[in-house]
């Protein structure tokens, strides 16, 4: 459904390729043409994440982000040995973008709630994409930026609501 075949390499081996229609499910890529999506996919790595696997661990340094094509994952923090779920992510969502840009520590764990397929976007592959297909890279960066702005606004609203609640409760 999501995959075709990449052309064979020098050793005659072919591997799965992502179809442009599957990439269109990723919100930040929805505005790209099929030709741009095909070029984008050539620089990305397909990953399969089995249910219950941990893809990202809080505190570890990273240099990649992930686009969710299929499945469900949870964003969690372990606080006092207990799991606190920050968000549930599904097809069309992405995560790990902060470490893609600053190579810093991951801010949360990401665990697969069910078998999932993802595209891994490394900092190196994104730099190559920017050099070889700047129109595609620009659209990608713009999509990431818009989503980050929406997330910041939502977090600011949650924080404001929490402070209002705490003040109302006399805390």
C-alpha atoms as a PDB file:
ATOM      1  CA  UNK A   1       0.000   0.000   0.000  1.00  0.00           C
ATOM      2  CA  UNK A   2       2.752   2.473   0.951  1.00  0.00           C
ATOM      3  CA  UNK A   3       5.725   0.954  -0.792  1.00  0.00           C
ATOM      4  CA  UNK A   4       6.985   0.312  -4.294  1.00  0.00           C
ATOM      5  CA  UNK A   5      10.466  -0.858  -5.212  1.00  0.00           C
ATOM      6  CA  UNK A   6      13.572   1.282  -5.451  1.00  0.00           C
ATOM      7  CA  UNK A   7      15.714   0.538  -8.503  1.00  0.00           C
ATOM      8  CA  UNK A   8      18.369  -2.113  -7.956  1.00  0.00           C
ATOM      9  CA  UNK A   9      21.741  -0.924  -6.678  1.00  0.00           C
ATOM     10  CA  UNK A  10      25.127  -1.952  -8.120  1.00  0.00           C
ATOM     11  CA  UNK A  11      24.801  -5.380  -6.483  1.00  0.00           C
ATOM     12  CA  UNK A  12      21.388  -5.996  -8.077  1.00  0.00           C
ATOM     13  CA  UNK A  13      19.548  -5.546  -4.764  1.00  0.00           C
ATOM     14  CA  UNK A  14      16.352  -3.512  -4.640  1.00  0.00           C
ATOM     15  CA  UNK A  15      14.645  -2.201  -1.507  1.00  0.00           C
ATOM     16  CA  UNK A  16      11.240  -0.732  -0.667  1.00  0.00           C
ATOM     17  CA  UNK A  17      10.510   2.814  -1.821  1.00  0.00           C
ATOM     18  CA  UNK A  18       7.784   5.015  -0.394  1.00  0.00           C
ATOM     19  CA  UNK A  19       5.023   5.976  -2.793  1.00  0.00           C
ATOM     20  CA  UNK A  20       4.249   9.705  -3.040  1.00  0.00           C
ATOM     21  CA  UNK A  21       0.652   9.089  -1.959  1.00  0.00           C
ATOM     22  CA  UNK A  22       1.847   7.635   1.345  1.00  0.00           C
ATOM     23  CA  UNK A  23       3.979  10.722   1.989  1.00  0.00           C
ATOM     24  CA  UNK A  24       1.023  12.979   1.326  1.00  0.00           C
ATOM     25  CA  UNK A  25      -0.464  11.636   4.589  1.00  0.00           C
ATOM     26  CA  UNK A  26       2.325  13.453   6.452  1.00  0.00           C
ATOM     27  CA  UNK A  27       0.858  16.902   7.119  1.00  0.00           C
ATOM     28  CA  UNK A  28       4.091  18.836   6.585  1.00  0.00           C
ATOM     29  CA  UNK A  29       4.505  17.256   3.123  1.00  0.00           C
ATOM     30  CA  UNK A  30       0.915  17.608   1.914  1.00  0.00           C
ATOM     31  CA  UNK A  31       1.657  20.638  -0.294  1.00  0.00           C
ATOM     32  CA  UNK A  32       4.446  18.987  -2.282  1.00  0.00           C
ATOM     33  CA  UNK A  33       3.934  17.631  -5.792  1.00  0.00           C
ATOM     34  CA  UNK A  34       4.346  13.910  -6.529  1.00  0.00           C
ATOM     35  CA  UNK A  35       7.671  14.684  -8.206  1.00  0.00           C
ATOM     36  CA  UNK A  36       8.915  16.589  -5.142  1.00  0.00           C
ATOM     37  CA  UNK A  37       7.716  13.808  -2.833  1.00  0.00           C
ATOM     38  CA  UNK A  38       9.600  11.237  -4.927  1.00  0.00           C
ATOM     39  CA  UNK A  39      12.780  13.313  -4.660  1.00  0.00           C
ATOM     40  CA  UNK A  40      12.255  13.735  -0.910  1.00  0.00           C
ATOM     41  CA  UNK A  41      11.809   9.982  -0.377  1.00  0.00           C
ATOM     42  CA  UNK A  42      15.138   9.188  -2.077  1.00  0.00           C
ATOM     43  CA  UNK A  43      16.958  10.857   0.830  1.00  0.00           C
ATOM     44  CA  UNK A  44      14.980   9.185   3.613  1.00  0.00           C
ATOM     45  CA  UNK A  45      15.233   5.828   5.333  1.00  0.00           C
ATOM     46  CA  UNK A  46      12.217   3.550   5.893  1.00  0.00           C
ATOM     47  CA  UNK A  47      11.963   2.141   9.418  1.00  0.00           C
ATOM     48  CA  UNK A  48       9.734  -0.457  10.950  1.00  0.00           C
ATOM     49  CA  UNK A  49       9.040  -0.135  14.682  1.00  0.00           C
ATOM     50  CA  UNK A  50       7.574  -3.212  16.368  1.00  0.00           C
ATOM     51  CA  UNK A  51       4.943  -2.712  19.059  1.00  0.00           C
ATOM     52  CA  UNK A  52       6.416  -1.739  22.473  1.00  0.00           C
ATOM     53  CA  UNK A  53       9.808  -0.799  21.000  1.00  0.00           C
ATOM     54  CA  UNK A  54      11.445   2.420  22.198  1.00  0.00           C
ATOM     55  CA  UNK A  55      12.552   4.558  19.256  1.00  0.00           C
ATOM     56  CA  UNK A  56      13.884   7.531  21.198  1.00  0.00           C
ATOM     57  CA  UNK A  57      15.117   7.677  24.791  1.00  0.00           C
ATOM     58  CA  UNK A  58      15.000  10.867  26.855  1.00  0.00           C
ATOM     59  CA  UNK A  59      18.462  12.314  27.448  1.00  0.00           C
ATOM     60  CA  UNK A  60      20.200  10.519  24.568  1.00  0.00           C
ATOM     61  CA  UNK A  61      21.637  12.726  21.866  1.00  0.00           C
ATOM     62  CA  UNK A  62      20.076  12.482  18.442  1.00  0.00           C
ATOM     63  CA  UNK A  63      20.475  13.813  14.933  1.00  0.00           C
ATOM     64  CA  UNK A  64      17.290  12.588  13.274  1.00  0.00           C
ATOM     65  CA  UNK A  65      13.558  13.077  13.191  1.00  0.00           C
ATOM     66  CA  UNK A  66      10.836  10.638  12.193  1.00  0.00           C
ATOM     67  CA  UNK A  67       7.705  10.943  10.061  1.00  0.00           C
ATOM     68  CA  UNK A  68       4.913   8.504  10.940  1.00  0.00           C
ATOM     69  CA  UNK A  69       3.405   6.733   7.926  1.00  0.00           C
ATOM     70  CA  UNK A  70       1.454   4.069   9.781  1.00  0.00           C
ATOM     71  CA  UNK A  71       0.896   3.055  13.393  1.00  0.00           C
ATOM     72  CA  UNK A  72       0.661   4.766  16.745  1.00  0.00           C
ATOM     73  CA  UNK A  73       3.341   5.954  19.149  1.00  0.00           C
ATOM     74  CA  UNK A  74       3.308   7.670  22.519  1.00  0.00           C
ATOM     75  CA  UNK A  75       5.471  10.481  23.814  1.00  0.00           C
ATOM     76  CA  UNK A  76       6.249   9.878  27.470  1.00  0.00           C
ATOM     77  CA  UNK A  77       8.270  11.045  30.426  1.00  0.00           C
ATOM     78  CA  UNK A  78       9.220   8.778  33.299  1.00  0.00           C
ATOM     79  CA  UNK A  79       8.743  10.818  36.471  1.00  0.00           C
ATOM     80  CA  UNK A  80       9.447   9.107  39.756  1.00  0.00           C
ATOM     81  CA  UNK A  81       9.424   5.765  37.955  1.00  0.00           C
ATOM     82  CA  UNK A  82       5.912   6.371  36.605  1.00  0.00           C
ATOM     83  CA  UNK A  83       4.961   6.960  33.005  1.00  0.00           C
ATOM     84  CA  UNK A  84       3.359  10.290  32.108  1.00  0.00           C
ATOM     85  CA  UNK A  85       2.036  10.380  28.551  1.00  0.00           C
ATOM     86  CA  UNK A  86       2.472  13.765  26.892  1.00  0.00           C
ATOM     87  CA  UNK A  87       0.924  12.896  23.521  1.00  0.00           C
ATOM     88  CA  UNK A  88      -0.178  10.086  21.249  1.00  0.00           C
ATOM     89  CA  UNK A  89       1.043  10.336  17.661  1.00  0.00           C
ATOM     90  CA  UNK A  90      -0.322   8.691  14.531  1.00  0.00           C
ATOM     91  CA  UNK A  91      -0.050   8.739  10.749  1.00  0.00           C
ATOM     92  CA  UNK A  92       0.885  12.178   9.482  1.00  0.00           C
ATOM     93  CA  UNK A  93       2.639  13.273  12.677  1.00  0.00           C
ATOM     94  CA  UNK A  94       6.364  13.644  13.284  1.00  0.00           C
ATOM     95  CA  UNK A  95       8.762  13.748  16.225  1.00  0.00           C
ATOM     96  CA  UNK A  96      12.441  14.267  17.009  1.00  0.00           C
ATOM     97  CA  UNK A  97      12.793  17.533  15.101  1.00  0.00           C
ATOM     98  CA  UNK A  98      14.548  19.376  17.943  1.00  0.00           C
ATOM     99  CA  UNK A  99      17.515  16.993  17.924  1.00  0.00           C
ATOM    100  CA  UNK A 100      17.588  17.133  14.132  1.00  0.00           C
ATOM    101  CA  UNK A 101      18.468  20.805  14.378  1.00  0.00           C
ATOM    102  CA  UNK A 102      20.646  20.968  17.500  1.00  0.00           C
ATOM    103  CA  UNK A 103      21.919  17.363  17.936  1.00  0.00           C
ATOM    104  CA  UNK A 104      21.060  17.790  21.616  1.00  0.00           C
ATOM    105  CA  UNK A 105      19.476  15.447  24.126  1.00  0.00           C
ATOM    106  CA  UNK A 106      16.024  14.026  23.452  1.00  0.00           C
ATOM    107  CA  UNK A 107      13.329  15.653  25.575  1.00  0.00           C
ATOM    108  CA  UNK A 108      11.122  12.546  25.986  1.00  0.00           C
ATOM    109  CA  UNK A 109      10.838   8.838  25.195  1.00  0.00           C
ATOM    110  CA  UNK A 110       8.940   7.659  22.127  1.00  0.00           C
ATOM    111  CA  UNK A 111       7.414   4.170  22.356  1.00  0.00           C
ATOM    112  CA  UNK A 112       5.456   2.301  19.674  1.00  0.00           C
ATOM    113  CA  UNK A 113       1.935   1.478  20.891  1.00  0.00           C
ATOM    114  CA  UNK A 114       1.502  -0.715  17.810  1.00  0.00           C
ATOM    115  CA  UNK A 115       3.580  -1.897  14.867  1.00  0.00           C
ATOM    116  CA  UNK A 116       4.514   1.243  12.940  1.00  0.00           C
ATOM    117  CA  UNK A 117       6.214   2.379   9.744  1.00  0.00           C
ATOM    118  CA  UNK A 118       8.237   5.582   9.769  1.00  0.00           C
ATOM    119  CA  UNK A 119      10.590   7.602   7.625  1.00  0.00           C
ATOM    120  CA  UNK A 120      13.838   8.577   9.309  1.00  0.00           C
ATOM    121  CA  UNK A 121      15.189  11.991   8.350  1.00  0.00           C
ATOM    122  CA  UNK A 122      18.820  12.416   9.439  1.00  0.00           C
ATOM    123  CA  UNK A 123      20.626  15.736   9.643  1.00  0.00           C
ATOM    124  CA  UNK A 124      23.062  14.507   6.975  1.00  0.00           C
ATOM    125  CA  UNK A 125      20.290  13.445   4.583  1.00  0.00           C
ATOM    126  CA  UNK A 126      18.500  16.751   5.100  1.00  0.00           C
ATOM    127  CA  UNK A 127      21.698  18.670   4.325  1.00  0.00           C
ATOM    128  CA  UNK A 128      22.123  16.647   1.123  1.00  0.00           C
ATOM    129  CA  UNK A 129      18.481  17.318   0.246  1.00  0.00           C
ATOM    130  CA  UNK A 130      19.027  21.058   0.817  1.00  0.00           C
ATOM    131  CA  UNK A 131      22.040  20.993  -1.521  1.00  0.00           C
ATOM    132  CA  UNK A 132      20.453  18.886  -4.263  1.00  0.00           C
ATOM    133  CA  UNK A 133      16.763  19.857  -4.043  1.00  0.00           C
ATOM    134  CA  UNK A 134      16.466  23.224  -2.255  1.00  0.00           C
ATOM    135  CA  UNK A 135      12.828  23.663  -3.308  1.00  0.00           C
ATOM    136  CA  UNK A 136      11.873  20.439  -1.528  1.00  0.00           C
ATOM    137  CA  UNK A 137      14.011  21.208   1.531  1.00  0.00           C
ATOM    138  CA  UNK A 138      12.500  24.687   1.823  1.00  0.00           C
ATOM    139  CA  UNK A 139       8.952  23.314   1.774  1.00  0.00           C
ATOM    140  CA  UNK A 140       9.951  20.701   4.369  1.00  0.00           C
ATOM    141  CA  UNK A 141      11.538  23.288   6.703  1.00  0.00           C
ATOM    142  CA  UNK A 142       8.521  25.569   6.330  1.00  0.00           C
ATOM    143  CA  UNK A 143       6.159  22.712   7.252  1.00  0.00           C
ATOM    144  CA  UNK A 144       8.219  21.835  10.325  1.00  0.00           C
ATOM    145  CA  UNK A 145       8.294  25.504  11.365  1.00  0.00           C
ATOM    146  CA  UNK A 146       4.508  25.880  11.065  1.00  0.00           C
ATOM    147  CA  UNK A 147       3.928  22.778  13.170  1.00  0.00           C
ATOM    148  CA  UNK A 148       6.404  23.926  15.834  1.00  0.00           C
ATOM    149  CA  UNK A 149       4.644  27.289  16.027  1.00  0.00           C
ATOM    150  CA  UNK A 150       1.291  25.520  16.566  1.00  0.00           C
ATOM    151  CA  UNK A 151       2.821  23.312  19.271  1.00  0.00           C
ATOM    152  CA  UNK A 152       4.289  26.310  21.107  1.00  0.00           C
ATOM    153  CA  UNK A 153       0.942  28.114  21.035  1.00  0.00           C
ATOM    154  CA  UNK A 154      -0.828  25.017  22.395  1.00  0.00           C
ATOM    155  CA  UNK A 155       1.800  24.596  25.146  1.00  0.00           C
ATOM    156  CA  UNK A 156       1.487  28.271  26.114  1.00  0.00           C
ATOM    157  CA  UNK A 157      -2.295  27.841  26.360  1.00  0.00           C
ATOM    158  CA  UNK A 158      -1.925  24.724  28.542  1.00  0.00           C
ATOM    159  CA  UNK A 159       0.550  26.539  30.792  1.00  0.00           C
ATOM    160  CA  UNK A 160      -1.746  29.556  31.084  1.00  0.00           C
ATOM    161  CA  UNK A 161      -4.693  27.305  31.927  1.00  0.00           C
ATOM    162  CA  UNK A 162      -2.613  25.481  34.570  1.00  0.00           C
ATOM    163  CA  UNK A 163      -1.548  28.737  36.215  1.00  0.00           C
ATOM    164  CA  UNK A 164      -5.141  30.022  36.192  1.00  0.00           C
ATOM    165  CA  UNK A 165      -6.349  26.779  37.754  1.00  0.00           C
ATOM    166  CA  UNK A 166      -3.615  26.837  40.429  1.00  0.00           C
ATOM    167  CA  UNK A 167      -4.419  30.467  41.319  1.00  0.00           C
ATOM    168  CA  UNK A 168      -8.148  29.706  41.471  1.00  0.00           C
ATOM    169  CA  UNK A 169      -7.423  26.737  43.746  1.00  0.00           C
ATOM    170  CA  UNK A 170      -5.349  28.987  46.013  1.00  0.00           C
ATOM    171  CA  UNK A 171      -2.007  27.363  45.304  1.00  0.00           C
END
